[in-house]
Amino acid sequence: MKKLLAALILVPLAIIVVALSVANRHAVVLSLDPFNGEAPAVAVAVPLFVVLFAALAIGVLLGGIGVWLGQGRWRRQARALKREATTVRRENEAFKAARTSPATALAVSRRDAA
């Protein structure tokens, strides 16, 4: 079911990406000099779809980094809770072992019904 759903989403997406690439394959000048528009010091002629996909990839990367940094508090809390659960589990095992140990059992006095 997951593969069918992924195919239903990814195939149309791939068709759209290919159509976008074919429709925007003409070269555009990417200038990295904001002060000199007529004769920029650094300018590269690349297809428009490369610029669009690069901007999309950089946005996804920056968004992922932002989310990862924002969730640091929750990851730290999860690690602390995992350590605490491990400690409590060990203590529980020790109490169970002490309770069932014959050395720590209390003597039970029985009254004879004679």
PDB file of N, CA and C in Angstrom:
ATOM      1  N   MET A   1       0.815  -1.188   0.000  1.00  0.00           N
ATOM      2  CA  MET A   1       0.000   0.000   0.000  1.00  0.00           C
ATOM      3  C   MET A   1       0.867   1.264   0.000  1.00  0.00           C
ATOM      4  N   LYS A   2       1.963   1.225   0.789  1.00  0.00           N
ATOM      5  CA  LYS A   2       2.857   2.384   0.838  1.00  0.00           C
ATOM      6  C   LYS A   2       3.512   2.638  -0.514  1.00  0.00           C
ATOM      7  N   LYS A   3       3.893   1.547  -1.185  1.00  0.00           N
ATOM      8  CA  LYS A   3       4.545   1.706  -2.483  1.00  0.00           C
ATOM      9  C   LYS A   3       3.587   2.292  -3.509  1.00  0.00           C
ATOM     10  N   LEU A   4       2.330   1.874  -3.460  1.00  0.00           N
ATOM     11  CA  LEU A   4       1.335   2.409  -4.389  1.00  0.00           C
ATOM     12  C   LEU A   4       1.107   3.890  -4.120  1.00  0.00           C
ATOM     13  N   LEU A   5       0.986   4.248  -2.858  1.00  0.00           N
ATOM     14  CA  LEU A   5       0.791   5.642  -2.494  1.00  0.00           C
ATOM     15  C   LEU A   5       1.998   6.495  -2.893  1.00  0.00           C
ATOM     16  N   ALA A   6       3.196   5.968  -2.662  1.00  0.00           N
ATOM     17  CA  ALA A   6       4.410   6.693  -3.057  1.00  0.00           C
ATOM     18  C   ALA A   6       4.464   6.865  -4.573  1.00  0.00           C
ATOM     19  N   ALA A   7       4.076   5.825  -5.301  1.00  0.00           N
ATOM     20  CA  ALA A   7       4.077   5.920  -6.764  1.00  0.00           C
ATOM     21  C   ALA A   7       3.049   6.941  -7.241  1.00  0.00           C
ATOM     22  N   LEU A   8       1.882   6.980  -6.595  1.00  0.00           N
ATOM     23  CA  LEU A   8       0.852   7.945  -6.980  1.00  0.00           C
ATOM     24  C   LEU A   8       1.284   9.379  -6.717  1.00  0.00           C
ATOM     25  N   ILE A   9       2.173   9.579  -5.779  1.00  0.00           N
ATOM     26  CA  ILE A   9       2.660  10.928  -5.489  1.00  0.00           C
ATOM     27  C   ILE A   9       3.917  11.241  -6.290  1.00  0.00           C
ATOM     28  N   LEU A  10       4.859  10.307  -6.349  1.00  0.00           N
ATOM     29  CA  LEU A  10       6.160  10.593  -6.962  1.00  0.00           C
ATOM     30  C   LEU A  10       6.123  10.632  -8.490  1.00  0.00           C
ATOM     31  N   VAL A  11       5.308   9.814  -9.112  1.00  0.00           N
ATOM     32  CA  VAL A  11       5.263   9.812 -10.588  1.00  0.00           C
ATOM     33  C   VAL A  11       4.749  11.147 -11.124  1.00  0.00           C
ATOM     34  N   PRO A  12       3.610  11.667 -10.649  1.00  0.00           N
ATOM     35  CA  PRO A  12       3.195  12.994 -11.138  1.00  0.00           C
ATOM     36  C   PRO A  12       4.191  14.098 -10.789  1.00  0.00           C
ATOM     37  N   LEU A  13       4.803  13.988  -9.619  1.00  0.00           N
ATOM     38  CA  LEU A  13       5.810  14.979  -9.230  1.00  0.00           C
ATOM     39  C   LEU A  13       7.008  14.936 -10.176  1.00  0.00           C
ATOM     40  N   ALA A  14       7.441  13.745 -10.544  1.00  0.00           N
ATOM     41  CA  ALA A  14       8.554  13.610 -11.482  1.00  0.00           C
ATOM     42  C   ALA A  14       8.179  14.173 -12.855  1.00  0.00           C
ATOM     43  N   ILE A  15       6.953  13.943 -13.279  1.00  0.00           N
ATOM     44  CA  ILE A  15       6.501  14.490 -14.574  1.00  0.00           C
ATOM     45  C   ILE A  15       6.512  16.012 -14.532  1.00  0.00           C
ATOM     46  N   ILE A  16       6.061  16.587 -13.438  1.00  0.00           N
ATOM     47  CA  ILE A  16       6.062  18.051 -13.301  1.00  0.00           C
ATOM     48  C   ILE A  16       7.482  18.595 -13.300  1.00  0.00           C
ATOM     49  N   VAL A  17       8.397  17.921 -12.602  1.00  0.00           N
ATOM     50  CA  VAL A  17       9.794  18.365 -12.542  1.00  0.00           C
ATOM     51  C   VAL A  17      10.428  18.311 -13.930  1.00  0.00           C
ATOM     52  N   VAL A  18      10.184  17.247 -14.672  1.00  0.00           N
ATOM     53  CA  VAL A  18      10.744  17.134 -16.029  1.00  0.00           C
ATOM     54  C   VAL A  18      10.150  18.211 -16.927  1.00  0.00           C
ATOM     55  N   ALA A  19       8.853  18.444 -16.839  1.00  0.00           N
ATOM     56  CA  ALA A  19       8.215  19.488 -17.661  1.00  0.00           C
ATOM     57  C   ALA A  19       8.769  20.864 -17.314  1.00  0.00           C
ATOM     58  N   LEU A  20       8.976  21.128 -16.035  1.00  0.00           N
ATOM     59  CA  LEU A  20       9.560  22.399 -15.612  1.00  0.00           C
ATOM     60  C   LEU A  20      10.978  22.554 -16.145  1.00  0.00           C
ATOM     61  N   SER A  21      11.743  21.482 -16.114  1.00  0.00           N
ATOM     62  CA  SER A  21      13.117  21.532 -16.612  1.00  0.00           C
ATOM     63  C   SER A  21      13.159  21.783 -18.112  1.00  0.00           C
ATOM     64  N   VAL A  22      12.283  21.142 -18.852  1.00  0.00           N
ATOM     65  CA  VAL A  22      12.268  21.309 -20.311  1.00  0.00           C
ATOM     66  C   VAL A  22      11.781  22.703 -20.685  1.00  0.00           C
ATOM     67  N   ALA A  23      10.779  23.209 -19.974  1.00  0.00           N
ATOM     68  CA  ALA A  23      10.215  24.518 -20.301  1.00  0.00           C
ATOM     69  C   ALA A  23      11.152  25.662 -19.923  1.00  0.00           C
ATOM     70  N   ASN A  24      12.025  25.461 -18.943  1.00  0.00           N
ATOM     71  CA  ASN A  24      12.898  26.538 -18.462  1.00  0.00           C
ATOM     72  C   ASN A  24      14.370  26.216 -18.671  1.00  0.00           C
ATOM     73  N   ARG A  25      14.705  25.727 -19.834  1.00  0.00           N
ATOM     74  CA  ARG A  25      16.099  25.359 -20.082  1.00  0.00           C
ATOM     75  C   ARG A  25      16.928  26.486 -20.691  1.00  0.00           C
ATOM     76  N   HIS A  26      16.325  27.639 -20.974  1.00  0.00           N
ATOM     77  CA  HIS A  26      17.105  28.749 -21.523  1.00  0.00           C
ATOM     78  C   HIS A  26      18.020  29.314 -20.436  1.00  0.00           C
ATOM     79  N   ALA A  27      19.131  29.866 -20.865  1.00  0.00           N
ATOM     80  CA  ALA A  27      20.145  30.346 -19.920  1.00  0.00           C
ATOM     81  C   ALA A  27      19.756  31.703 -19.346  1.00  0.00           C
ATOM     82  N   VAL A  28      20.032  31.866 -18.075  1.00  0.00           N
ATOM     83  CA  VAL A  28      19.875  33.148 -17.407  1.00  0.00           C
ATOM     84  C   VAL A  28      21.214  33.486 -16.756  1.00  0.00           C
ATOM     85  N   VAL A  29      21.469  34.761 -16.600  1.00  0.00           N
ATOM     86  CA  VAL A  29      22.726  35.193 -15.995  1.00  0.00           C
ATOM     87  C   VAL A  29      22.497  35.363 -14.496  1.00  0.00           C
ATOM     88  N   LEU A  30      23.258  34.625 -13.741  1.00  0.00           N
ATOM     89  CA  LEU A  30      23.207  34.715 -12.287  1.00  0.00           C
ATOM     90  C   LEU A  30      24.376  35.593 -11.860  1.00  0.00           C
ATOM     91  N   SER A  31      24.056  36.791 -11.384  1.00  0.00           N
ATOM     92  CA  SER A  31      25.082  37.757 -11.006  1.00  0.00           C
ATOM     93  C   SER A  31      25.230  37.786  -9.485  1.00  0.00           C
ATOM     94  N   LEU A  32      26.455  37.743  -9.031  1.00  0.00           N
ATOM     95  CA  LEU A  32      26.735  37.794  -7.605  1.00  0.00           C
ATOM     96  C   LEU A  32      27.320  39.140  -7.193  1.00  0.00           C
ATOM     97  N   ASP A  33      27.181  40.148  -8.053  1.00  0.00           N
ATOM     98  CA  ASP A  33      27.688  41.489  -7.780  1.00  0.00           C
ATOM     99  C   ASP A  33      26.497  42.454  -7.743  1.00  0.00           C
ATOM    100  N   PRO A  34      26.028  42.840  -6.556  1.00  0.00           N
ATOM    101  CA  PRO A  34      24.836  43.686  -6.486  1.00  0.00           C
ATOM    102  C   PRO A  34      25.094  45.158  -6.830  1.00  0.00           C
ATOM    103  N   PHE A  35      26.346  45.586  -6.908  1.00  0.00           N
ATOM    104  CA  PHE A  35      26.647  47.003  -7.110  1.00  0.00           C
ATOM    105  C   PHE A  35      26.884  47.377  -8.567  1.00  0.00           C
ATOM    106  N   ASN A  36      27.259  46.431  -9.402  1.00  0.00           N
ATOM    107  CA  ASN A  36      27.552  46.727 -10.797  1.00  0.00           C
ATOM    108  C   ASN A  36      26.693  45.806 -11.669  1.00  0.00           C
ATOM    109  N   GLY A  37      25.526  46.305 -12.086  1.00  0.00           N
ATOM    110  CA  GLY A  37      24.582  45.499 -12.848  1.00  0.00           C
ATOM    111  C   GLY A  37      24.979  45.283 -14.294  1.00  0.00           C
ATOM    112  N   GLU A  38      25.661  46.266 -14.917  1.00  0.00           N
ATOM    113  CA  GLU A  38      26.009  46.146 -16.346  1.00  0.00           C
ATOM    114  C   GLU A  38      27.199  45.219 -16.569  1.00  0.00           C
ATOM    115  N   ALA A  39      28.211  45.318 -15.727  1.00  0.00           N
ATOM    116  CA  ALA A  39      29.407  44.480 -15.880  1.00  0.00           C
ATOM    117  C   ALA A  39      29.750  43.862 -14.521  1.00  0.00           C
ATOM    118  N   PRO A  40      29.020  42.859 -14.132  1.00  0.00           N
ATOM    119  CA  PRO A  40      29.276  42.274 -12.809  1.00  0.00           C
ATOM    120  C   PRO A  40      30.623  41.558 -12.768  1.00  0.00           C
ATOM    121  N   ALA A  41      31.225  41.578 -11.592  1.00  0.00           N
ATOM    122  CA  ALA A  41      32.520  40.923 -11.415  1.00  0.00           C
ATOM    123  C   ALA A  41      32.375  39.412 -11.477  1.00  0.00           C
ATOM    124  N   VAL A  42      31.307  38.895 -10.906  1.00  0.00           N
ATOM    125  CA  VAL A  42      31.064  37.453 -10.908  1.00  0.00           C
ATOM    126  C   VAL A  42      29.686  37.218 -11.499  1.00  0.00           C
ATOM    127  N   ALA A  43      29.638  36.574 -12.646  1.00  0.00           N
ATOM    128  CA  ALA A  43      28.368  36.254 -13.290  1.00  0.00           C
ATOM    129  C   ALA A  43      28.494  34.893 -13.954  1.00  0.00           C
ATOM    130  N   VAL A  44      27.434  34.097 -13.837  1.00  0.00           N
ATOM    131  CA  VAL A  44      27.421  32.760 -14.408  1.00  0.00           C
ATOM    132  C   VAL A  44      26.137  32.595 -15.207  1.00  0.00           C
ATOM    133  N   ALA A  45      26.251  32.044 -16.389  1.00  0.00           N
ATOM    134  CA  ALA A  45      25.068  31.750 -17.193  1.00  0.00           C
ATOM    135  C   ALA A  45      24.699  30.290 -16.976  1.00  0.00           C
ATOM    136  N   VAL A  46      23.517  30.086 -16.388  1.00  0.00           N
ATOM    137  CA  VAL A  46      23.032  28.735 -16.098  1.00  0.00           C
ATOM    138  C   VAL A  46      21.573  28.641 -16.537  1.00  0.00           C
ATOM    139  N   PRO A  47      21.101  27.422 -16.798  1.00  0.00           N
ATOM    140  CA  PRO A  47      19.674  27.272 -17.121  1.00  0.00           C
ATOM    141  C   PRO A  47      18.803  27.669 -15.925  1.00  0.00           C
ATOM    142  N   LEU A  48      17.637  28.187 -16.219  1.00  0.00           N
ATOM    143  CA  LEU A  48      16.747  28.675 -15.170  1.00  0.00           C
ATOM    144  C   LEU A  48      16.328  27.562 -14.215  1.00  0.00           C
ATOM    145  N   PHE A  49      16.108  26.351 -14.728  1.00  0.00           N
ATOM    146  CA  PHE A  49      15.674  25.272 -13.843  1.00  0.00           C
ATOM    147  C   PHE A  49      16.751  24.901 -12.829  1.00  0.00           C
ATOM    148  N   VAL A  50      18.022  25.107 -13.173  1.00  0.00           N
ATOM    149  CA  VAL A  50      19.097  24.839 -12.220  1.00  0.00           C
ATOM    150  C   VAL A  50      19.018  25.830 -11.057  1.00  0.00           C
ATOM    151  N   VAL A  51      18.743  27.088 -11.371  1.00  0.00           N
ATOM    152  CA  VAL A  51      18.599  28.112 -10.341  1.00  0.00           C
ATOM    153  C   VAL A  51      17.402  27.781  -9.443  1.00  0.00           C
ATOM    154  N   LEU A  52      16.284  27.381 -10.054  1.00  0.00           N
ATOM    155  CA  LEU A  52      15.087  27.052  -9.278  1.00  0.00           C
ATOM    156  C   LEU A  52      15.319  25.851  -8.366  1.00  0.00           C
ATOM    157  N   PHE A  53      15.924  24.795  -8.900  1.00  0.00           N
ATOM    158  CA  PHE A  53      16.164  23.596  -8.092  1.00  0.00           C
ATOM    159  C   PHE A  53      17.209  23.837  -7.013  1.00  0.00           C
ATOM    160  N   ALA A  54      18.203  24.662  -7.309  1.00  0.00           N
ATOM    161  CA  ALA A  54      19.210  24.992  -6.297  1.00  0.00           C
ATOM    162  C   ALA A  54      18.568  25.787  -5.158  1.00  0.00           C
ATOM    163  N   ALA A  55      17.706  26.731  -5.503  1.00  0.00           N
ATOM    164  CA  ALA A  55      17.012  27.508  -4.464  1.00  0.00           C
ATOM    165  C   ALA A  55      16.115  26.599  -3.630  1.00  0.00           C
ATOM    166  N   LEU A  56      15.434  25.662  -4.266  1.00  0.00           N
ATOM    167  CA  LEU A  56      14.586  24.712  -3.547  1.00  0.00           C
ATOM    168  C   LEU A  56      15.414  23.829  -2.619  1.00  0.00           C
ATOM    169  N   ALA A  57      16.539  23.325  -3.105  1.00  0.00           N
ATOM    170  CA  ALA A  57      17.399  22.457  -2.292  1.00  0.00           C
ATOM    171  C   ALA A  57      17.982  23.223  -1.104  1.00  0.00           C
ATOM    172  N   ILE A  58      18.412  24.453  -1.323  1.00  0.00           N
ATOM    173  CA  ILE A  58      18.959  25.259  -0.231  1.00  0.00           C
ATOM    174  C   ILE A  58      17.874  25.559   0.798  1.00  0.00           C
ATOM    175  N   GLY A  59      16.650  25.824   0.349  1.00  0.00           N
ATOM    176  CA  GLY A  59      15.540  26.073   1.268  1.00  0.00           C
ATOM    177  C   GLY A  59      15.213  24.850   2.111  1.00  0.00           C
ATOM    178  N   VAL A  60      15.198  23.683   1.484  1.00  0.00           N
ATOM    179  CA  VAL A  60      14.926  22.451   2.223  1.00  0.00           C
ATOM    180  C   VAL A  60      16.035  22.197   3.246  1.00  0.00           C
ATOM    181  N   LEU A  61      17.283  22.401   2.840  1.00  0.00           N
ATOM    182  CA  LEU A  61      18.414  22.189   3.738  1.00  0.00           C
ATOM    183  C   LEU A  61      18.369  23.150   4.932  1.00  0.00           C
ATOM    184  N   LEU A  62      18.140  24.420   4.679  1.00  0.00           N
ATOM    185  CA  LEU A  62      18.072  25.395   5.766  1.00  0.00           C
ATOM    186  C   LEU A  62      16.870  25.131   6.682  1.00  0.00           C
ATOM    187  N   GLY A  63      15.750  24.729   6.102  1.00  0.00           N
ATOM    188  CA  GLY A  63      14.582  24.389   6.905  1.00  0.00           C
ATOM    189  C   GLY A  63      14.845  23.180   7.793  1.00  0.00           C
ATOM    190  N   GLY A  64      15.506  22.170   7.247  1.00  0.00           N
ATOM    191  CA  GLY A  64      15.842  20.979   8.033  1.00  0.00           C
ATOM    192  C   GLY A  64      16.784  21.299   9.171  1.00  0.00           C
ATOM    193  N   ILE A  65      17.768  22.130   8.908  1.00  0.00           N
ATOM    194  CA  ILE A  65      18.706  22.529   9.962  1.00  0.00           C
ATOM    195  C   ILE A  65      17.971  23.318  11.051  1.00  0.00           C
ATOM    196  N   GLY A  66      17.082  24.217  10.636  1.00  0.00           N
ATOM    197  CA  GLY A  66      16.314  24.998  11.606  1.00  0.00           C
ATOM    198  C   GLY A  66      15.440  24.125  12.486  1.00  0.00           C
ATOM    199  N   VAL A  67      14.782  23.151  11.899  1.00  0.00           N
ATOM    200  CA  VAL A  67      13.933  22.242  12.681  1.00  0.00           C
ATOM    201  C   VAL A  67      14.787  21.397  13.607  1.00  0.00           C
ATOM    202  N   TRP A  68      15.914  20.913  13.124  1.00  0.00           N
ATOM    203  CA  TRP A  68      16.797  20.083  13.945  1.00  0.00           C
ATOM    204  C   TRP A  68      17.297  20.871  15.152  1.00  0.00           C
ATOM    205  N   LEU A  69      17.688  22.121  14.934  1.00  0.00           N
ATOM    206  CA  LEU A  69      18.159  22.953  16.041  1.00  0.00           C
ATOM    207  C   LEU A  69      17.024  23.285  17.005  1.00  0.00           C
ATOM    208  N   GLY A  70      15.835  23.481  16.482  1.00  0.00           N
ATOM    209  CA  GLY A  70      14.685  23.799  17.327  1.00  0.00           C
ATOM    210  C   GLY A  70      14.244  22.629  18.192  1.00  0.00           C
ATOM    211  N   GLN A  71      14.520  21.415  17.771  1.00  0.00           N
ATOM    212  CA  GLN A  71      14.102  20.235  18.534  1.00  0.00           C
ATOM    213  C   GLN A  71      15.184  19.740  19.486  1.00  0.00           C
ATOM    214  N   GLY A  72      16.254  20.465  19.630  1.00  0.00           N
ATOM    215  CA  GLY A  72      17.343  20.048  20.512  1.00  0.00           C
ATOM    216  C   GLY A  72      16.902  19.872  21.950  1.00  0.00           C
ATOM    217  N   ARG A  73      16.026  20.746  22.413  1.00  0.00           N
ATOM    218  CA  ARG A  73      15.541  20.652  23.789  1.00  0.00           C
ATOM    219  C   ARG A  73      14.796  19.333  24.016  1.00  0.00           C
ATOM    220  N   TRP A  74      14.010  18.920  23.033  1.00  0.00           N
ATOM    221  CA  TRP A  74      13.235  17.685  23.180  1.00  0.00           C
ATOM    222  C   TRP A  74      14.124  16.453  23.110  1.00  0.00           C
ATOM    223  N   ARG A  75      15.152  16.499  22.277  1.00  0.00           N
ATOM    224  CA  ARG A  75      16.091  15.369  22.220  1.00  0.00           C
ATOM    225  C   ARG A  75      16.865  15.248  23.533  1.00  0.00           C
ATOM    226  N   ARG A  76      17.259  16.374  24.102  1.00  0.00           N
ATOM    227  CA  ARG A  76      17.969  16.369  25.391  1.00  0.00           C
ATOM    228  C   ARG A  76      17.064  15.806  26.487  1.00  0.00           C
ATOM    229  N   GLN A  77      15.800  16.208  26.488  1.00  0.00           N
ATOM    230  CA  GLN A  77      14.856  15.699  27.485  1.00  0.00           C
ATOM    231  C   GLN A  77      14.630  14.197  27.300  1.00  0.00           C
ATOM    232  N   ALA A  78      14.549  13.732  26.066  1.00  0.00           N
ATOM    233  CA  ALA A  78      14.359  12.299  25.809  1.00  0.00           C
ATOM    234  C   ALA A  78      15.555  11.494  26.311  1.00  0.00           C
ATOM    235  N   ARG A  79      16.773  12.019  26.113  1.00  0.00           N
ATOM    236  CA  ARG A  79      17.961  11.315  26.626  1.00  0.00           C
ATOM    237  C   ARG A  79      17.935  11.236  28.146  1.00  0.00           C
ATOM    238  N   ALA A  80      17.544  12.334  28.809  1.00  0.00           N
ATOM    239  CA  ALA A  80      17.486  12.339  30.276  1.00  0.00           C
ATOM    240  C   ALA A  80      16.432  11.351  30.771  1.00  0.00           C
ATOM    241  N   LEU A  81      15.283  11.313  30.120  1.00  0.00           N
ATOM    242  CA  LEU A  81      14.234  10.375  30.535  1.00  0.00           C
ATOM    243  C   LEU A  81      14.643   8.929  30.283  1.00  0.00           C
ATOM    244  N   LYS A  82      15.391   8.700  29.229  1.00  0.00           N
ATOM    245  CA  LYS A  82      15.871   7.340  28.954  1.00  0.00           C
ATOM    246  C   LYS A  82      16.848   6.895  30.046  1.00  0.00           C
ATOM    247  N   ARG A  83      17.757   7.793  30.453  1.00  0.00           N
ATOM    248  CA  ARG A  83      18.685   7.462  31.547  1.00  0.00           C
ATOM    249  C   ARG A  83      17.924   7.194  32.836  1.00  0.00           C
ATOM    250  N   GLU A  84      16.916   8.019  33.116  1.00  0.00           N
ATOM    251  CA  GLU A  84      16.133   7.838  34.336  1.00  0.00           C
ATOM    252  C   GLU A  84      15.367   6.513  34.302  1.00  0.00           C
ATOM    253  N   ALA A  85      14.803   6.170  33.169  1.00  0.00           N
ATOM    254  CA  ALA A  85      14.075   4.901  33.057  1.00  0.00           C
ATOM    255  C   ALA A  85      15.012   3.717  33.251  1.00  0.00           C
ATOM    256  N   THR A  86      16.220   3.818  32.728  1.00  0.00           N
ATOM    257  CA  THR A  86      17.198   2.742  32.913  1.00  0.00           C
ATOM    258  C   THR A  86      17.550   2.593  34.393  1.00  0.00           C
ATOM    259  N   THR A  87      17.750   3.714  35.081  1.00  0.00           N
ATOM    260  CA  THR A  87      18.070   3.674  36.506  1.00  0.00           C
ATOM    261  C   THR A  87      16.917   3.063  37.302  1.00  0.00           C
ATOM    262  N   VAL A  88      15.698   3.473  37.008  1.00  0.00           N
ATOM    263  CA  VAL A  88      14.534   2.948  37.714  1.00  0.00           C
ATOM    264  C   VAL A  88      14.367   1.457  37.433  1.00  0.00           C
ATOM    265  N   ARG A  89      14.618   1.034  36.214  1.00  0.00           N
ATOM    266  CA  ARG A  89      14.525  -0.381  35.865  1.00  0.00           C
ATOM    267  C   ARG A  89      15.542  -1.206  36.665  1.00  0.00           C
ATOM    268  N   ARG A  90      16.772  -0.684  36.783  1.00  0.00           N
ATOM    269  CA  ARG A  90      17.796  -1.380  37.568  1.00  0.00           C
ATOM    270  C   ARG A  90      17.404  -1.470  39.047  1.00  0.00           C
ATOM    271  N   GLU A  91      16.909  -0.363  39.595  1.00  0.00           N
ATOM    272  CA  GLU A  91      16.474  -0.370  40.991  1.00  0.00           C
ATOM    273  C   GLU A  91      15.330  -1.358  41.206  1.00  0.00           C
ATOM    274  N   ASN A  92      14.410  -1.420  40.276  1.00  0.00           N
ATOM    275  CA  ASN A  92      13.286  -2.344  40.367  1.00  0.00           C
ATOM    276  C   ASN A  92      13.774  -3.792  40.366  1.00  0.00           C
ATOM    277  N   GLU A  93      14.734  -4.080  39.492  1.00  0.00           N
ATOM    278  CA  GLU A  93      15.308  -5.436  39.455  1.00  0.00           C
ATOM    279  C   GLU A  93      15.995  -5.762  40.786  1.00  0.00           C
ATOM    280  N   ALA A  94      16.707  -4.792  41.352  1.00  0.00           N
ATOM    281  CA  ALA A  94      17.394  -5.016  42.625  1.00  0.00           C
ATOM    282  C   ALA A  94      16.393  -5.258  43.748  1.00  0.00           C
ATOM    283  N   PHE A  95      15.285  -4.506  43.768  1.00  0.00           N
ATOM    284  CA  PHE A  95      14.270  -4.716  44.801  1.00  0.00           C
ATOM    285  C   PHE A  95      13.597  -6.067  44.653  1.00  0.00           C
ATOM    286  N   LYS A  96      13.343  -6.474  43.418  1.00  0.00           N
ATOM    287  CA  LYS A  96      12.741  -7.794  43.194  1.00  0.00           C
ATOM    288  C   LYS A  96      13.673  -8.901  43.667  1.00  0.00           C
ATOM    289  N   ALA A  97      14.954  -8.742  43.365  1.00  0.00           N
ATOM    290  CA  ALA A  97      15.926  -9.758  43.777  1.00  0.00           C
ATOM    291  C   ALA A  97      16.046  -9.798  45.295  1.00  0.00           C
ATOM    292  N   ALA A  98      16.014  -8.657  45.949  1.00  0.00           N
ATOM    293  CA  ALA A  98      16.126  -8.614  47.407  1.00  0.00           C
ATOM    294  C   ALA A  98      14.876  -9.197  48.068  1.00  0.00           C
ATOM    295  N   ARG A  99      13.734  -8.980  47.475  1.00  0.00           N
ATOM    296  CA  ARG A  99      12.488  -9.473  48.050  1.00  0.00           C
ATOM    297  C   ARG A  99      12.383 -10.991  47.963  1.00  0.00           C
ATOM    298  N   THR A 100      12.902 -11.578  46.916  1.00  0.00           N
ATOM    299  CA  THR A 100      12.801 -13.024  46.734  1.00  0.00           C
ATOM    300  C   THR A 100      13.992 -13.771  47.303  1.00  0.00           C
ATOM    301  N   SER A 101      14.980 -13.066  47.775  1.00  0.00           N
ATOM    302  CA  SER A 101      16.166 -13.716  48.332  1.00  0.00           C
ATOM    303  C   SER A 101      15.842 -14.333  49.690  1.00  0.00           C
ATOM    304  N   PRO A 102      16.254 -15.588  49.926  1.00  0.00           N
ATOM    305  CA  PRO A 102      15.959 -16.210  51.217  1.00  0.00           C
ATOM    306  C   PRO A 102      16.726 -15.560  52.365  1.00  0.00           C
ATOM    307  N   ALA A 103      17.829 -14.908  52.106  1.00  0.00           N
ATOM    308  CA  ALA A 103      18.620 -14.295  53.170  1.00  0.00           C
ATOM    309  C   ALA A 103      17.908 -13.090  53.766  1.00  0.00           C
ATOM    310  N   THR A 104      17.071 -12.441  52.999  1.00  0.00           N
ATOM    311  CA  THR A 104      16.402 -11.236  53.483  1.00  0.00           C
ATOM    312  C   THR A 104      14.972 -11.495  53.919  1.00  0.00           C
ATOM    313  N   ALA A 105      14.526 -12.727  53.802  1.00  0.00           N
ATOM    314  CA  ALA A 105      13.153 -13.039  54.191  1.00  0.00           C
ATOM    315  C   ALA A 105      13.031 -13.042  55.709  1.00  0.00           C
ATOM    316  N   LEU A 106      11.931 -12.552  56.212  1.00  0.00           N
ATOM    317  CA  LEU A 106      11.682 -12.530  57.645  1.00  0.00           C
ATOM    318  C   LEU A 106      11.146 -13.889  58.092  1.00  0.00           C
ATOM    319  N   ALA A 107      11.516 -14.238  59.283  1.00  0.00           N
ATOM    320  CA  ALA A 107      11.015 -15.504  59.819  1.00  0.00           C
ATOM    321  C   ALA A 107       9.544 -15.344  60.154  1.00  0.00           C
ATOM    322  N   VAL A 108       8.764 -16.306  59.778  1.00  0.00           N
ATOM    323  CA  VAL A 108       7.331 -16.267  60.035  1.00  0.00           C
ATOM    324  C   VAL A 108       7.040 -17.152  61.232  1.00  0.00           C
ATOM    325  N   SER A 109       6.459 -16.556  62.230  1.00  0.00           N
ATOM    326  CA  SER A 109       6.130 -17.369  63.410  1.00  0.00           C
ATOM    327  C   SER A 109       4.736 -17.962  63.234  1.00  0.00           C
ATOM    328  N   ARG A 110       4.639 -19.256  63.466  1.00  0.00           N
ATOM    329  CA  ARG A 110       3.362 -19.925  63.337  1.00  0.00           C
ATOM    330  C   ARG A 110       2.935 -20.453  64.689  1.00  0.00           C
ATOM    331  N   ARG A 111       1.710 -20.293  64.941  1.00  0.00           N
ATOM    332  CA  ARG A 111       1.182 -20.843  66.189  1.00  0.00           C
ATOM    333  C   ARG A 111       0.630 -22.234  65.902  1.00  0.00           C
ATOM    334  N   ASP A 112       1.038 -23.124  66.725  1.00  0.00           N
ATOM    335  CA  ASP A 112       0.515 -24.489  66.555  1.00  0.00           C
ATOM    336  C   ASP A 112      -0.906 -24.532  67.121  1.00  0.00           C
ATOM    337  N   ALA A 113      -1.731 -25.114  66.393  1.00  0.00           N
ATOM    338  CA  ALA A 113      -3.137 -25.207  66.814  1.00  0.00           C
ATOM    339  C   ALA A 113      -3.371 -26.445  67.681  1.00  0.00           C
ATOM    340  N   ALA A 114      -2.410 -26.862  68.411  1.00  0.00           N
ATOM    341  CA  ALA A 114      -2.511 -28.091  69.190  1.00  0.00           C
ATOM    342  C   ALA A 114      -3.230 -27.943  70.463  1.00  0.00           C
TER     343      ALA A 114
END
